[in-house]
Amino acid sequence: MLYYALMFLVVAIIAGVLGFGGIAGTSAGIAQILFFLFLALLVISLVMNFFRKV
């Protein structure tokens, strides 16, 4: 999932440099959503792992 977030970020940067504002904004938004989803799943996984060992 983090891979896809990074790929959308790269697409957003390239589209922004080339002047495609709509595509860049959409790609950046998708990358941001995927990144925060990845962080949430990481935190949930760490908490579940901590409680499993206790």
PDB file of N, CA and C in Angstrom:
ATOM      1  N   MET A   1       0.820  -1.181   0.000  1.00  0.00           N
ATOM      2  CA  MET A   1       0.000   0.000   0.000  1.00  0.00           C
ATOM      3  C   MET A   1       0.873   1.259   0.000  1.00  0.00           C
ATOM      4  N   LEU A   2       1.956   1.214   0.727  1.00  0.00           N
ATOM      5  CA  LEU A   2       2.860   2.358   0.737  1.00  0.00           C
ATOM      6  C   LEU A   2       3.478   2.553  -0.646  1.00  0.00           C
ATOM      7  N   TYR A   3       3.690   1.464  -1.359  1.00  0.00           N
ATOM      8  CA  TYR A   3       4.216   1.542  -2.721  1.00  0.00           C
ATOM      9  C   TYR A   3       3.274   2.347  -3.617  1.00  0.00           C
ATOM     10  N   TYR A   4       1.969   2.072  -3.516  1.00  0.00           N
ATOM     11  CA  TYR A   4       0.997   2.778  -4.334  1.00  0.00           C
ATOM     12  C   TYR A   4       0.919   4.253  -3.954  1.00  0.00           C
ATOM     13  N   ALA A   5       1.035   4.547  -2.672  1.00  0.00           N
ATOM     14  CA  ALA A   5       1.033   5.940  -2.239  1.00  0.00           C
ATOM     15  C   ALA A   5       2.230   6.678  -2.834  1.00  0.00           C
ATOM     16  N   LEU A   6       3.385   6.036  -2.825  1.00  0.00           N
ATOM     17  CA  LEU A   6       4.574   6.671  -3.403  1.00  0.00           C
ATOM     18  C   LEU A   6       4.453   6.833  -4.917  1.00  0.00           C
ATOM     19  N   MET A   7       3.838   5.861  -5.587  1.00  0.00           N
ATOM     20  CA  MET A   7       3.665   5.962  -7.033  1.00  0.00           C
ATOM     21  C   MET A   7       2.712   7.106  -7.386  1.00  0.00           C
ATOM     22  N   PHE A   8       1.610   7.256  -6.644  1.00  0.00           N
ATOM     23  CA  PHE A   8       0.706   8.371  -6.897  1.00  0.00           C
ATOM     24  C   PHE A   8       1.391   9.698  -6.606  1.00  0.00           C
ATOM     25  N   LEU A   9       2.260   9.732  -5.602  1.00  0.00           N
ATOM     26  CA  LEU A   9       3.002  10.948  -5.300  1.00  0.00           C
ATOM     27  C   LEU A   9       3.939  11.310  -6.445  1.00  0.00           C
ATOM     28  N   VAL A  10       4.614  10.327  -7.006  1.00  0.00           N
ATOM     29  CA  VAL A  10       5.512  10.566  -8.146  1.00  0.00           C
ATOM     30  C   VAL A  10       4.714  11.057  -9.350  1.00  0.00           C
ATOM     31  N   VAL A  11       3.567  10.441  -9.603  1.00  0.00           N
ATOM     32  CA  VAL A  11       2.712  10.883 -10.713  1.00  0.00           C
ATOM     33  C   VAL A  11       2.265  12.328 -10.490  1.00  0.00           C
ATOM     34  N   ALA A  12       1.916  12.668  -9.240  1.00  0.00           N
ATOM     35  CA  ALA A  12       1.480  14.028  -8.932  1.00  0.00           C
ATOM     36  C   ALA A  12       2.610  15.030  -9.163  1.00  0.00           C
ATOM     37  N   ILE A  13       3.810  14.672  -8.766  1.00  0.00           N
ATOM     38  CA  ILE A  13       4.947  15.586  -8.954  1.00  0.00           C
ATOM     39  C   ILE A  13       5.236  15.785 -10.431  1.00  0.00           C
ATOM     40  N   ILE A  14       5.241  14.706 -11.188  1.00  0.00           N
ATOM     41  CA  ILE A  14       5.510  14.806 -12.629  1.00  0.00           C
ATOM     42  C   ILE A  14       4.408  15.602 -13.326  1.00  0.00           C
ATOM     43  N   ALA A  15       3.161  15.335 -12.971  1.00  0.00           N
ATOM     44  CA  ALA A  15       2.054  16.071 -13.587  1.00  0.00           C
ATOM     45  C   ALA A  15       2.102  17.546 -13.203  1.00  0.00           C
ATOM     46  N   GLY A  16       2.490  17.840 -11.982  1.00  0.00           N
ATOM     47  CA  GLY A  16       2.613  19.230 -11.558  1.00  0.00           C
ATOM     48  C   GLY A  16       3.701  19.970 -12.310  1.00  0.00           C
ATOM     49  N   VAL A  17       4.827  19.293 -12.527  1.00  0.00           N
ATOM     50  CA  VAL A  17       5.929  19.915 -13.272  1.00  0.00           C
ATOM     51  C   VAL A  17       5.525  20.170 -14.726  1.00  0.00           C
ATOM     52  N   LEU A  18       4.756  19.259 -15.296  1.00  0.00           N
ATOM     53  CA  LEU A  18       4.348  19.405 -16.691  1.00  0.00           C
ATOM     54  C   LEU A  18       3.142  20.329 -16.864  1.00  0.00           C
ATOM     55  N   GLY A  19       2.526  20.751 -15.758  1.00  0.00           N
ATOM     56  CA  GLY A  19       1.443  21.717 -15.848  1.00  0.00           C
ATOM     57  C   GLY A  19       0.050  21.126 -15.866  1.00  0.00           C
ATOM     58  N   PHE A  20      -0.097  19.877 -15.558  1.00  0.00           N
ATOM     59  CA  PHE A  20      -1.414  19.256 -15.500  1.00  0.00           C
ATOM     60  C   PHE A  20      -1.934  19.352 -14.064  1.00  0.00           C
ATOM     61  N   GLY A  21      -2.563  20.467 -13.736  1.00  0.00           N
ATOM     62  CA  GLY A  21      -2.975  20.744 -12.363  1.00  0.00           C
ATOM     63  C   GLY A  21      -4.031  19.795 -11.838  1.00  0.00           C
ATOM     64  N   GLY A  22      -5.011  19.452 -12.650  1.00  0.00           N
ATOM     65  CA  GLY A  22      -6.092  18.565 -12.200  1.00  0.00           C
ATOM     66  C   GLY A  22      -5.594  17.171 -11.884  1.00  0.00           C
ATOM     67  N   ILE A  23      -4.767  16.646 -12.745  1.00  0.00           N
ATOM     68  CA  ILE A  23      -4.210  15.308 -12.530  1.00  0.00           C
ATOM     69  C   ILE A  23      -3.279  15.311 -11.325  1.00  0.00           C
ATOM     70  N   ALA A  24      -2.498  16.368 -11.194  1.00  0.00           N
ATOM     71  CA  ALA A  24      -1.566  16.459 -10.065  1.00  0.00           C
ATOM     72  C   ALA A  24      -2.321  16.531  -8.746  1.00  0.00           C
ATOM     73  N   GLY A  25      -3.376  17.308  -8.701  1.00  0.00           N
ATOM     74  CA  GLY A  25      -4.168  17.432  -7.477  1.00  0.00           C
ATOM     75  C   GLY A  25      -4.849  16.134  -7.101  1.00  0.00           C
ATOM     76  N   THR A  26      -5.406  15.464  -8.089  1.00  0.00           N
ATOM     77  CA  THR A  26      -6.080  14.189  -7.832  1.00  0.00           C
ATOM     78  C   THR A  26      -5.084  13.141  -7.367  1.00  0.00           C
ATOM     79  N   SER A  27      -3.947  13.051  -8.024  1.00  0.00           N
ATOM     80  CA  SER A  27      -2.935  12.068  -7.641  1.00  0.00           C
ATOM     81  C   SER A  27      -2.380  12.353  -6.247  1.00  0.00           C
ATOM     82  N   ALA A  28      -2.185  13.610  -5.931  1.00  0.00           N
ATOM     83  CA  ALA A  28      -1.689  13.962  -4.603  1.00  0.00           C
ATOM     84  C   ALA A  28      -2.721  13.621  -3.535  1.00  0.00           C
ATOM     85  N   GLY A  29      -3.991  13.838  -3.831  1.00  0.00           N
ATOM     86  CA  GLY A  29      -5.051  13.486  -2.888  1.00  0.00           C
ATOM     87  C   GLY A  29      -5.118  11.987  -2.640  1.00  0.00           C
ATOM     88  N   ILE A  30      -5.017  11.212  -3.697  1.00  0.00           N
ATOM     89  CA  ILE A  30      -5.038   9.752  -3.557  1.00  0.00           C
ATOM     90  C   ILE A  30      -3.815   9.283  -2.778  1.00  0.00           C
ATOM     91  N   ALA A  31      -2.655   9.858  -3.069  1.00  0.00           N
ATOM     92  CA  ALA A  31      -1.434   9.480  -2.354  1.00  0.00           C
ATOM     93  C   ALA A  31      -1.565   9.801  -0.869  1.00  0.00           C
ATOM     94  N   GLN A  32      -2.162  10.935  -0.543  1.00  0.00           N
ATOM     95  CA  GLN A  32      -2.332  11.321   0.856  1.00  0.00           C
ATOM     96  C   GLN A  32      -3.281  10.367   1.568  1.00  0.00           C
ATOM     97  N   ILE A  33      -4.380  10.008   0.939  1.00  0.00           N
ATOM     98  CA  ILE A  33      -5.329   9.068   1.543  1.00  0.00           C
ATOM     99  C   ILE A  33      -4.672   7.711   1.778  1.00  0.00           C
ATOM    100  N   LEU A  34      -3.953   7.214   0.777  1.00  0.00           N
ATOM    101  CA  LEU A  34      -3.300   5.917   0.921  1.00  0.00           C
ATOM    102  C   LEU A  34      -2.231   5.945   2.009  1.00  0.00           C
ATOM    103  N   PHE A  35      -1.494   7.051   2.119  1.00  0.00           N
ATOM    104  CA  PHE A  35      -0.458   7.154   3.130  1.00  0.00           C
ATOM    105  C   PHE A  35      -1.056   7.126   4.532  1.00  0.00           C
ATOM    106  N   PHE A  36      -2.123   7.888   4.761  1.00  0.00           N
ATOM    107  CA  PHE A  36      -2.739   7.898   6.083  1.00  0.00           C
ATOM    108  C   PHE A  36      -3.422   6.570   6.399  1.00  0.00           C
ATOM    109  N   LEU A  37      -3.957   5.910   5.380  1.00  0.00           N
ATOM    110  CA  LEU A  37      -4.521   4.575   5.581  1.00  0.00           C
ATOM    111  C   LEU A  37      -3.422   3.593   5.977  1.00  0.00           C
ATOM    112  N   PHE A  38      -2.260   3.692   5.331  1.00  0.00           N
ATOM    113  CA  PHE A  38      -1.119   2.863   5.684  1.00  0.00           C
ATOM    114  C   PHE A  38      -0.682   3.115   7.120  1.00  0.00           C
ATOM    115  N   LEU A  39      -0.612   4.381   7.521  1.00  0.00           N
ATOM    116  CA  LEU A  39      -0.218   4.703   8.895  1.00  0.00           C
ATOM    117  C   LEU A  39      -1.216   4.159   9.912  1.00  0.00           C
ATOM    118  N   ALA A  40      -2.500   4.272   9.622  1.00  0.00           N
ATOM    119  CA  ALA A  40      -3.524   3.756  10.528  1.00  0.00           C
ATOM    120  C   ALA A  40      -3.401   2.240  10.672  1.00  0.00           C
ATOM    121  N   LEU A  41      -3.201   1.549   9.565  1.00  0.00           N
ATOM    122  CA  LEU A  41      -3.055   0.095   9.624  1.00  0.00           C
ATOM    123  C   LEU A  41      -1.780  -0.305  10.352  1.00  0.00           C
ATOM    124  N   LEU A  42      -0.719   0.483  10.208  1.00  0.00           N
ATOM    125  CA  LEU A  42       0.525   0.211  10.926  1.00  0.00           C
ATOM    126  C   LEU A  42       0.318   0.336  12.435  1.00  0.00           C
ATOM    127  N   VAL A  43      -0.351   1.395  12.861  1.00  0.00           N
ATOM    128  CA  VAL A  43      -0.599   1.594  14.286  1.00  0.00           C
ATOM    129  C   VAL A  43      -1.484   0.485  14.843  1.00  0.00           C
ATOM    130  N   ILE A  44      -2.523   0.121  14.118  1.00  0.00           N
ATOM    131  CA  ILE A  44      -3.406  -0.961  14.555  1.00  0.00           C
ATOM    132  C   ILE A  44      -2.626  -2.264  14.665  1.00  0.00           C
ATOM    133  N   SER A  45      -1.777  -2.531  13.702  1.00  0.00           N
ATOM    134  CA  SER A  45      -0.975  -3.746  13.726  1.00  0.00           C
ATOM    135  C   SER A  45      -0.026  -3.770  14.923  1.00  0.00           C
ATOM    136  N   LEU A  46       0.615  -2.635  15.208  1.00  0.00           N
ATOM    137  CA  LEU A  46       1.534  -2.578  16.346  1.00  0.00           C
ATOM    138  C   LEU A  46       0.798  -2.767  17.672  1.00  0.00           C
ATOM    139  N   VAL A  47      -0.365  -2.156  17.809  1.00  0.00           N
ATOM    140  CA  VAL A  47      -1.151  -2.298  19.042  1.00  0.00           C
ATOM    141  C   VAL A  47      -1.620  -3.740  19.212  1.00  0.00           C
ATOM    142  N   MET A  48      -2.103  -4.343  18.136  1.00  0.00           N
ATOM    143  CA  MET A  48      -2.564  -5.736  18.213  1.00  0.00           C
ATOM    144  C   MET A  48      -1.403  -6.667  18.566  1.00  0.00           C
ATOM    145  N   ASN A  49      -0.238  -6.409  18.006  1.00  0.00           N
ATOM    146  CA  ASN A  49       0.932  -7.236  18.301  1.00  0.00           C
ATOM    147  C   ASN A  49       1.370  -7.071  19.758  1.00  0.00           C
ATOM    148  N   PHE A  50       1.276  -5.846  20.281  1.00  0.00           N
ATOM    149  CA  PHE A  50       1.637  -5.608  21.673  1.00  0.00           C
ATOM    150  C   PHE A  50       0.699  -6.346  22.615  1.00  0.00           C
ATOM    151  N   PHE A  51      -0.599  -6.289  22.364  1.00  0.00           N
ATOM    152  CA  PHE A  51      -1.567  -6.948  23.239  1.00  0.00           C
ATOM    153  C   PHE A  51      -1.548  -8.458  23.089  1.00  0.00           C
ATOM    154  N   ARG A  52      -1.125  -8.962  21.955  1.00  0.00           N
ATOM    155  CA  ARG A  52      -1.057 -10.395  21.745  1.00  0.00           C
ATOM    156  C   ARG A  52       0.072 -11.006  22.588  1.00  0.00           C
ATOM    157  N   LYS A  53       1.175 -10.268  22.743  1.00  0.00           N
ATOM    158  CA  LYS A  53       2.314 -10.794  23.486  1.00  0.00           C
ATOM    159  C   LYS A  53       2.127 -10.672  24.988  1.00  0.00           C
ATOM    160  N   VAL A  54       1.220  -9.811  25.438  1.00  0.00           N
ATOM    161  CA  VAL A  54       1.029  -9.595  26.879  1.00  0.00           C
ATOM    162  C   VAL A  54       0.205 -10.671  27.492  1.00  0.00           C
TER     163      VAL A  54
END
